[in-house]
């Protein structure tokens, strides 16, 4: 993660974006990354010992989500296609990526897109709840399969 931050700072400096007060929002988006990683990690770690092939399915899903997240392309490219914008907004990782872009380049506060923020946190809470419930329910069986 430190390498990412150094790379991010170097690229921002090269393109003329210098640190300002808006950059404090990056802490919020880092918390978002930690929260979604924790919730998905808990869910998948509970399921993986029982269905080891699901790891390959998860890899494919994350590959699709990566290309459906505006990392290498700008979300404004879909302005003429509202139904695709809706699909992209369902991707919780798009909220984080757009948040980084909005913070560093556009200077838009994280609460500006409150509906996406609510959706993201509901997704994280539901995933965490499902992962926690699955983990606790399957915990007695871990010794049998591992």
Protein backbone atom coordinates (compact mmCIF):
# COMPACT_ATOMS: atom_id res chain seq x y z
CA UNK A 1 0.00 0.00 0.00
CA UNK A 2 2.89 2.34 0.70
CA UNK A 3 4.20 1.80 -2.82
CA UNK A 4 0.77 2.79 -4.16
CA UNK A 5 0.81 6.02 -2.15
CA UNK A 6 4.30 6.91 -3.34
CA UNK A 7 3.33 6.17 -6.93
CA UNK A 8 0.14 8.22 -6.52
CA UNK A 9 2.05 11.20 -5.14
CA UNK A 10 4.65 11.06 -7.92
CA UNK A 11 1.99 10.93 -10.63
CA UNK A 12 0.03 13.77 -9.02
CA UNK A 13 3.13 15.95 -8.77
CA UNK A 14 4.07 15.21 -12.38
CA UNK A 15 0.63 16.30 -13.57
CA UNK A 16 0.56 19.42 -11.41
CA UNK A 17 -1.76 18.26 -8.64
CA UNK A 18 -0.29 19.27 -5.31
CA UNK A 19 -1.49 18.34 -1.82
CA UNK A 20 -4.34 20.39 -0.45
CA UNK A 21 -7.07 20.11 2.14
CA UNK A 22 -9.15 17.86 -0.11
CA UNK A 23 -6.55 15.14 0.24
CA UNK A 24 -7.74 14.48 3.79
CA UNK A 25 -10.65 12.65 2.18
CA UNK A 26 -8.19 9.97 1.11
CA UNK A 27 -8.29 8.72 4.70
CA UNK A 28 -12.02 8.11 4.32
CA UNK A 29 -11.49 6.14 1.12
CA UNK A 30 -8.73 4.12 2.78
CA UNK A 31 -11.23 3.21 5.51
CA UNK A 32 -13.61 2.17 2.72
CA UNK A 33 -10.93 -0.09 1.24
CA UNK A 34 -10.21 -1.66 4.62
CA UNK A 35 -13.91 -2.19 5.35
CA UNK A 36 -14.74 -3.85 2.05
CA UNK A 37 -11.59 -5.98 2.19
CA UNK A 38 -12.43 -7.13 5.70
CA UNK A 39 -16.03 -7.96 4.87
CA UNK A 40 -15.25 -9.83 1.64
CA UNK A 41 -12.27 -11.57 3.23
CA UNK A 42 -14.40 -12.81 6.09
CA UNK A 43 -17.07 -14.08 3.74
CA UNK A 44 -14.71 -15.85 1.34
CA UNK A 45 -12.48 -17.28 4.05
CA UNK A 46 -15.50 -19.00 5.58
CA UNK A 47 -16.64 -20.50 2.29
CA UNK A 48 -13.30 -21.40 0.68
CA UNK A 49 -12.42 -24.52 2.75
CA UNK A 50 -15.71 -26.18 1.84
CA UNK A 51 -15.82 -25.21 -1.82
CA UNK A 52 -12.21 -24.74 -2.96
CA UNK A 53 -13.27 -24.22 -6.58
CA UNK A 54 -15.06 -21.04 -5.60
CA UNK A 55 -11.64 -19.38 -5.52
CA UNK A 56 -11.49 -19.56 -9.30
CA UNK A 57 -15.01 -18.19 -9.60
CA UNK A 58 -14.08 -15.32 -7.30
CA UNK A 59 -11.04 -14.61 -9.46
CA UNK A 60 -13.21 -14.32 -12.56
CA UNK A 61 -15.75 -12.13 -10.75
CA UNK A 62 -13.03 -9.79 -9.53
CA UNK A 63 -11.54 -9.65 -13.02
CA UNK A 64 -14.92 -8.56 -14.41
CA UNK A 65 -15.38 -6.07 -11.57
CA UNK A 66 -11.93 -4.63 -12.27
CA UNK A 67 -12.75 -3.94 -15.90
CA UNK A 68 -16.19 -2.65 -14.91
CA UNK A 69 -14.57 -0.21 -12.51
CA UNK A 70 -13.47 3.09 -14.02
CA UNK A 71 -9.78 2.63 -13.28
CA UNK A 72 -8.41 2.79 -16.81
CA UNK A 73 -11.32 4.74 -18.23
CA UNK A 74 -13.35 7.73 -17.08
CA UNK A 75 -16.90 7.30 -15.80
CA UNK A 76 -17.98 10.26 -17.94
CA UNK A 77 -17.55 8.09 -21.03
CA UNK A 78 -20.92 6.55 -20.15
CA UNK A 79 -22.89 9.80 -20.04
CA UNK A 80 -24.80 8.84 -23.18
CA UNK A 81 -25.65 5.39 -21.78
CA UNK A 82 -27.61 5.81 -18.52
CA UNK A 83 -28.37 2.10 -18.12
CA UNK A 84 -24.65 1.30 -18.15
CA UNK A 85 -24.04 4.03 -15.60
CA UNK A 86 -26.54 2.33 -13.33
CA UNK A 87 -24.75 -1.00 -13.69
CA UNK A 88 -21.39 0.60 -12.91
CA UNK A 89 -22.85 2.27 -9.82
CA UNK A 90 -23.78 -1.19 -8.50
CA UNK A 91 -20.08 -2.05 -8.38
CA UNK A 92 -18.90 -1.11 -4.87
CA UNK A 93 -15.31 -0.74 -6.06
CA UNK A 94 -16.37 1.97 -8.50
CA UNK A 95 -17.37 4.12 -5.52
CA UNK A 96 -13.84 3.94 -4.14
CA UNK A 97 -12.10 4.51 -7.47
CA UNK A 98 -14.35 7.44 -8.34
CA UNK A 99 -13.82 8.78 -4.84
CA UNK A 100 -10.06 8.84 -5.32
CA UNK A 101 -10.50 10.56 -8.67
CA UNK A 102 -13.03 13.05 -7.27
CA UNK A 103 -10.76 13.85 -4.34
CA UNK A 104 -7.50 14.27 -6.21
CA UNK A 105 -8.69 15.86 -9.44
CA UNK A 106 -12.24 17.17 -9.16
CA UNK A 107 -12.21 18.28 -5.48
CA UNK A 108 -15.67 16.85 -4.82
CA UNK A 109 -16.53 15.98 -1.19
CA UNK A 110 -17.24 12.34 -0.41
CA UNK A 111 -20.78 13.13 0.76
CA UNK A 112 -21.69 14.68 -2.59
CA UNK A 113 -22.74 11.30 -3.98
CA UNK A 114 -24.62 10.32 -0.84
CA UNK A 115 -26.75 7.67 -2.57
CA UNK A 116 -23.64 5.80 -3.72
CA UNK A 117 -22.15 6.21 -0.26
CA UNK A 118 -25.25 4.71 1.36
CA UNK A 119 -25.26 1.84 -1.14
CA UNK A 120 -21.56 1.17 -0.54
CA UNK A 121 -21.87 1.07 3.24
CA UNK A 122 -25.01 -1.06 3.07
CA UNK A 123 -23.13 -3.48 0.81
CA UNK A 124 -20.20 -3.58 3.23
CA UNK A 125 -22.45 -4.07 6.27
CA UNK A 126 -24.49 -6.81 4.60
CA UNK A 127 -21.36 -8.58 3.33
CA UNK A 128 -19.78 -8.36 6.76
CA UNK A 129 -22.94 -9.66 8.42
CA UNK A 130 -23.18 -12.54 5.95
CA UNK A 131 -19.48 -13.32 6.30
CA UNK A 132 -19.59 -13.19 10.09
CA UNK A 133 -22.67 -15.37 10.21
CA UNK A 134 -21.16 -17.88 7.76
CA UNK A 135 -17.85 -17.94 9.59
CA UNK A 136 -19.45 -18.53 12.99
CA UNK A 137 -21.80 -21.18 11.64
CA UNK A 138 -19.04 -23.07 9.82
CA UNK A 139 -16.36 -22.66 12.49
CA UNK A 140 -16.97 -26.07 14.14
CA UNK A 141 -16.40 -27.78 10.79
CA UNK A 142 -13.10 -26.09 9.90
CA UNK A 143 -11.05 -28.74 11.72
CA UNK A 144 -12.68 -31.47 9.63
CA UNK A 145 -11.86 -29.96 6.25
CA UNK A 146 -8.51 -28.30 6.93
